[in-house]
Amino acid sequence: MKPDITGIAPFFIVKNVPAALSFYRDRLGFDITFQGPEPDDIFFGIVQRGAA
């Protein structure tokens, strides 16, 4: 029996974190749940879509 997967948390290394966050929000429908440190040097972000 295969286990059910209820969520995943992949990590991506990108050159431009604010642009990547905007893409996930605006094009793919994700919510940005964290970005920081703010305001001038955002180098980490978390996005979420749905209940997972």
PDB file of N, CA and C in Angstrom:
ATOM      1  N   MET A   1       0.837  -1.182   0.000  1.00  0.00           N
ATOM      2  CA  MET A   1       0.000   0.000   0.000  1.00  0.00           C
ATOM      3  C   MET A   1       0.888   1.255   0.000  1.00  0.00           C
ATOM      4  N   LYS A   2       0.592   2.191  -0.892  1.00  0.00           N
ATOM      5  CA  LYS A   2       1.352   3.433  -0.966  1.00  0.00           C
ATOM      6  C   LYS A   2       0.814   4.432   0.062  1.00  0.00           C
ATOM      7  N   PRO A   3       1.704   5.171   0.726  1.00  0.00           N
ATOM      8  CA  PRO A   3       1.229   6.164   1.702  1.00  0.00           C
ATOM      9  C   PRO A   3       0.593   7.369   1.006  1.00  0.00           C
ATOM     10  N   ASP A   4      -0.357   7.989   1.678  1.00  0.00           N
ATOM     11  CA  ASP A   4      -0.955   9.223   1.171  1.00  0.00           C
ATOM     12  C   ASP A   4       0.002  10.383   1.424  1.00  0.00           C
ATOM     13  N   ILE A   5       0.143  11.251   0.444  1.00  0.00           N
ATOM     14  CA  ILE A   5       0.950  12.454   0.599  1.00  0.00           C
ATOM     15  C   ILE A   5      -0.019  13.603   0.848  1.00  0.00           C
ATOM     16  N   THR A   6       0.110  14.240   2.002  1.00  0.00           N
ATOM     17  CA  THR A   6      -0.810  15.318   2.360  1.00  0.00           C
ATOM     18  C   THR A   6      -0.228  16.703   2.133  1.00  0.00           C
ATOM     19  N   GLY A   7       1.061  16.775   1.814  1.00  0.00           N
ATOM     20  CA  GLY A   7       1.675  18.064   1.538  1.00  0.00           C
ATOM     21  C   GLY A   7       3.139  17.898   1.196  1.00  0.00           C
ATOM     22  N   ILE A   8       3.698  18.910   0.555  1.00  0.00           N
ATOM     23  CA  ILE A   8       5.121  18.912   0.246  1.00  0.00           C
ATOM     24  C   ILE A   8       5.678  20.298   0.549  1.00  0.00           C
ATOM     25  N   ALA A   9       6.976  20.373   0.748  1.00  0.00           N
ATOM     26  CA  ALA A   9       7.639  21.657   1.020  1.00  0.00           C
ATOM     27  C   ALA A   9       8.949  21.722   0.238  1.00  0.00           C
ATOM     28  N   PRO A  10       8.867  21.970  -1.074  1.00  0.00           N
ATOM     29  CA  PRO A  10      10.097  22.049  -1.867  1.00  0.00           C
ATOM     30  C   PRO A  10      10.829  23.368  -1.616  1.00  0.00           C
ATOM     31  N   PHE A  11      12.130  23.354  -1.839  1.00  0.00           N
ATOM     32  CA  PHE A  11      12.965  24.551  -1.722  1.00  0.00           C
ATOM     33  C   PHE A  11      13.553  24.859  -3.090  1.00  0.00           C
ATOM     34  N   PHE A  12      13.502  26.112  -3.500  1.00  0.00           N
ATOM     35  CA  PHE A  12      14.063  26.545  -4.775  1.00  0.00           C
ATOM     36  C   PHE A  12      15.063  27.663  -4.521  1.00  0.00           C
ATOM     37  N   ILE A  13      16.196  27.601  -5.183  1.00  0.00           N
ATOM     38  CA  ILE A  13      17.173  28.681  -5.138  1.00  0.00           C
ATOM     39  C   ILE A  13      16.983  29.498  -6.407  1.00  0.00           C
ATOM     40  N   VAL A  14      16.702  30.786  -6.244  1.00  0.00           N
ATOM     41  CA  VAL A  14      16.434  31.666  -7.378  1.00  0.00           C
ATOM     42  C   VAL A  14      17.305  32.917  -7.274  1.00  0.00           C
ATOM     43  N   LYS A  15      17.505  33.588  -8.399  1.00  0.00           N
ATOM     44  CA  LYS A  15      18.311  34.812  -8.407  1.00  0.00           C
ATOM     45  C   LYS A  15      17.554  36.003  -7.841  1.00  0.00           C
ATOM     46  N   ASN A  16      16.238  36.035  -8.040  1.00  0.00           N
ATOM     47  CA  ASN A  16      15.448  37.196  -7.649  1.00  0.00           C
ATOM     48  C   ASN A  16      14.235  36.721  -6.856  1.00  0.00           C
ATOM     49  N   VAL A  17      14.340  36.728  -5.541  1.00  0.00           N
ATOM     50  CA  VAL A  17      13.261  36.209  -4.694  1.00  0.00           C
ATOM     51  C   VAL A  17      11.978  37.034  -4.833  1.00  0.00           C
ATOM     52  N   PRO A  18      12.026  38.381  -4.790  1.00  0.00           N
ATOM     53  CA  PRO A  18      10.772  39.127  -4.960  1.00  0.00           C
ATOM     54  C   PRO A  18      10.058  38.816  -6.282  1.00  0.00           C
ATOM     55  N   ALA A  19      10.804  38.659  -7.365  1.00  0.00           N
ATOM     56  CA  ALA A  19      10.186  38.319  -8.653  1.00  0.00           C
ATOM     57  C   ALA A  19       9.579  36.919  -8.615  1.00  0.00           C
ATOM     58  N   ALA A  20      10.260  35.976  -7.985  1.00  0.00           N
ATOM     59  CA  ALA A  20       9.730  34.614  -7.875  1.00  0.00           C
ATOM     60  C   ALA A  20       8.458  34.597  -7.035  1.00  0.00           C
ATOM     61  N   LEU A  21       8.449  35.341  -5.932  1.00  0.00           N
ATOM     62  CA  LEU A  21       7.251  35.411  -5.096  1.00  0.00           C
ATOM     63  C   LEU A  21       6.084  36.024  -5.868  1.00  0.00           C
ATOM     64  N   SER A  22       6.357  37.072  -6.625  1.00  0.00           N
ATOM     65  CA  SER A  22       5.307  37.692  -7.442  1.00  0.00           C
ATOM     66  C   SER A  22       4.759  36.714  -8.471  1.00  0.00           C
ATOM     67  N   PHE A  23       5.632  35.939  -9.107  1.00  0.00           N
ATOM     68  CA  PHE A  23       5.199  34.939 -10.092  1.00  0.00           C
ATOM     69  C   PHE A  23       4.278  33.903  -9.446  1.00  0.00           C
ATOM     70  N   TYR A  24       4.696  33.362  -8.306  1.00  0.00           N
ATOM     71  CA  TYR A  24       3.870  32.351  -7.640  1.00  0.00           C
ATOM     72  C   TYR A  24       2.529  32.929  -7.203  1.00  0.00           C
ATOM     73  N   ARG A  25       2.516  34.185  -6.751  1.00  0.00           N
ATOM     74  CA  ARG A  25       1.272  34.820  -6.325  1.00  0.00           C
ATOM     75  C   ARG A  25       0.388  35.177  -7.519  1.00  0.00           C
ATOM     76  N   ASP A  26       0.944  35.899  -8.480  1.00  0.00           N
ATOM     77  CA  ASP A  26       0.145  36.472  -9.565  1.00  0.00           C
ATOM     78  C   ASP A  26      -0.216  35.476 -10.658  1.00  0.00           C
ATOM     79  N   ARG A  27       0.675  34.563 -10.972  1.00  0.00           N
ATOM     80  CA  ARG A  27       0.439  33.632 -12.086  1.00  0.00           C
ATOM     81  C   ARG A  27      -0.085  32.273 -11.644  1.00  0.00           C
ATOM     82  N   LEU A  28       0.323  31.815 -10.446  1.00  0.00           N
ATOM     83  CA  LEU A  28      -0.039  30.464 -10.018  1.00  0.00           C
ATOM     84  C   LEU A  28      -1.045  30.433  -8.871  1.00  0.00           C
ATOM     85  N   GLY A  29      -1.408  31.594  -8.333  1.00  0.00           N
ATOM     86  CA  GLY A  29      -2.462  31.657  -7.327  1.00  0.00           C
ATOM     87  C   GLY A  29      -2.051  31.317  -5.910  1.00  0.00           C
ATOM     88  N   PHE A  30      -0.763  31.377  -5.600  1.00  0.00           N
ATOM     89  CA  PHE A  30      -0.299  31.106  -4.246  1.00  0.00           C
ATOM     90  C   PHE A  30      -0.455  32.351  -3.379  1.00  0.00           C
ATOM     91  N   ASP A  31      -0.497  32.160  -2.065  1.00  0.00           N
ATOM     92  CA  ASP A  31      -0.441  33.254  -1.102  1.00  0.00           C
ATOM     93  C   ASP A  31       0.982  33.342  -0.566  1.00  0.00           C
ATOM     94  N   ILE A  32       1.500  34.548  -0.421  1.00  0.00           N
ATOM     95  CA  ILE A  32       2.808  34.742   0.198  1.00  0.00           C
ATOM     96  C   ILE A  32       2.583  34.788   1.704  1.00  0.00           C
ATOM     97  N   THR A  33       3.148  33.816   2.425  1.00  0.00           N
ATOM     98  CA  THR A  33       2.959  33.760   3.870  1.00  0.00           C
ATOM     99  C   THR A  33       4.146  34.328   4.636  1.00  0.00           C
ATOM    100  N   PHE A  34       5.296  34.463   3.973  1.00  0.00           N
ATOM    101  CA  PHE A  34       6.462  35.081   4.613  1.00  0.00           C
ATOM    102  C   PHE A  34       7.416  35.562   3.537  1.00  0.00           C
ATOM    103  N   GLN A  35       8.026  36.724   3.791  1.00  0.00           N
ATOM    104  CA  GLN A  35       9.136  37.195   2.975  1.00  0.00           C
ATOM    105  C   GLN A  35      10.019  38.052   3.870  1.00  0.00           C
ATOM    106  N   GLY A  36      11.300  37.880   3.730  1.00  0.00           N
ATOM    107  CA  GLY A  36      12.142  38.666   4.622  1.00  0.00           C
ATOM    108  C   GLY A  36      13.616  38.426   4.397  1.00  0.00           C
ATOM    109  N   PRO A  37      14.467  39.057   5.145  1.00  0.00           N
ATOM    110  CA  PRO A  37      14.039  40.140   6.044  1.00  0.00           C
ATOM    111  C   PRO A  37      13.648  41.362   5.235  1.00  0.00           C
ATOM    112  N   GLU A  38      12.771  42.143   5.755  1.00  0.00           N
ATOM    113  CA  GLU A  38      12.265  43.312   5.038  1.00  0.00           C
ATOM    114  C   GLU A  38      12.923  44.565   5.580  1.00  0.00           C
ATOM    115  N   PRO A  39      12.844  45.692   4.925  1.00  0.00           N
ATOM    116  CA  PRO A  39      12.152  45.901   3.657  1.00  0.00           C
ATOM    117  C   PRO A  39      13.055  45.812   2.445  1.00  0.00           C
ATOM    118  N   ASP A  40      14.378  45.936   2.624  1.00  0.00           N
ATOM    119  CA  ASP A  40      15.244  46.136   1.462  1.00  0.00           C
ATOM    120  C   ASP A  40      15.944  44.891   0.938  1.00  0.00           C
ATOM    121  N   ASP A  41      16.045  43.856   1.721  1.00  0.00           N
ATOM    122  CA  ASP A  41      16.874  42.713   1.327  1.00  0.00           C
ATOM    123  C   ASP A  41      16.113  41.407   1.505  1.00  0.00           C
ATOM    124  N   ILE A  42      15.096  41.189   0.672  1.00  0.00           N
ATOM    125  CA  ILE A  42      14.304  39.960   0.766  1.00  0.00           C
ATOM    126  C   ILE A  42      15.074  38.840   0.080  1.00  0.00           C
ATOM    127  N   PHE A  43      15.508  37.855   0.862  1.00  0.00           N
ATOM    128  CA  PHE A  43      16.245  36.733   0.285  1.00  0.00           C
ATOM    129  C   PHE A  43      15.611  35.393   0.621  1.00  0.00           C
ATOM    130  N   PHE A  44      14.441  35.404   1.272  1.00  0.00           N
ATOM    131  CA  PHE A  44      13.763  34.168   1.636  1.00  0.00           C
ATOM    132  C   PHE A  44      12.269  34.419   1.598  1.00  0.00           C
ATOM    133  N   GLY A  45      11.518  33.443   1.100  1.00  0.00           N
ATOM    134  CA  GLY A  45      10.071  33.572   1.079  1.00  0.00           C
ATOM    135  C   GLY A  45       9.380  32.229   1.203  1.00  0.00           C
ATOM    136  N   ILE A  46       8.150  32.272   1.677  1.00  0.00           N
ATOM    137  CA  ILE A  46       7.321  31.071   1.794  1.00  0.00           C
ATOM    138  C   ILE A  46       5.989  31.373   1.115  1.00  0.00           C
ATOM    139  N   VAL A  47       5.543  30.458   0.262  1.00  0.00           N
ATOM    140  CA  VAL A  47       4.229  30.581  -0.370  1.00  0.00           C
ATOM    141  C   VAL A  47       3.406  29.350  -0.031  1.00  0.00           C
ATOM    142  N   GLN A  48       2.085  29.512  -0.100  1.00  0.00           N
ATOM    143  CA  GLN A  48       1.177  28.414   0.224  1.00  0.00           C
ATOM    144  C   GLN A  48      -0.035  28.508  -0.679  1.00  0.00           C
ATOM    145  N   ARG A  49      -0.547  27.353  -1.032  1.00  0.00           N
ATOM    146  CA  ARG A  49      -1.781  27.307  -1.821  1.00  0.00           C
ATOM    147  C   ARG A  49      -2.641  26.183  -1.282  1.00  0.00           C
ATOM    148  N   GLY A  50      -3.848  26.489  -0.899  1.00  0.00           N
ATOM    149  CA  GLY A  50      -4.737  25.484  -0.339  1.00  0.00           C
ATOM    150  C   GLY A  50      -4.437  25.223   1.126  1.00  0.00           C
ATOM    151  N   ALA A  51      -4.964  24.116   1.620  1.00  0.00           N
ATOM    152  CA  ALA A  51      -4.862  23.805   3.047  1.00  0.00           C
ATOM    153  C   ALA A  51      -3.550  23.152   3.435  1.00  0.00           C
ATOM    154  N   ALA A  52      -2.778  22.671   2.471  1.00  0.00           N
ATOM    155  CA  ALA A  52      -1.545  21.944   2.803  1.00  0.00           C
ATOM    156  C   ALA A  52      -0.488  22.855   3.367  1.00  0.00           C
TER     157      ALA A  52
END
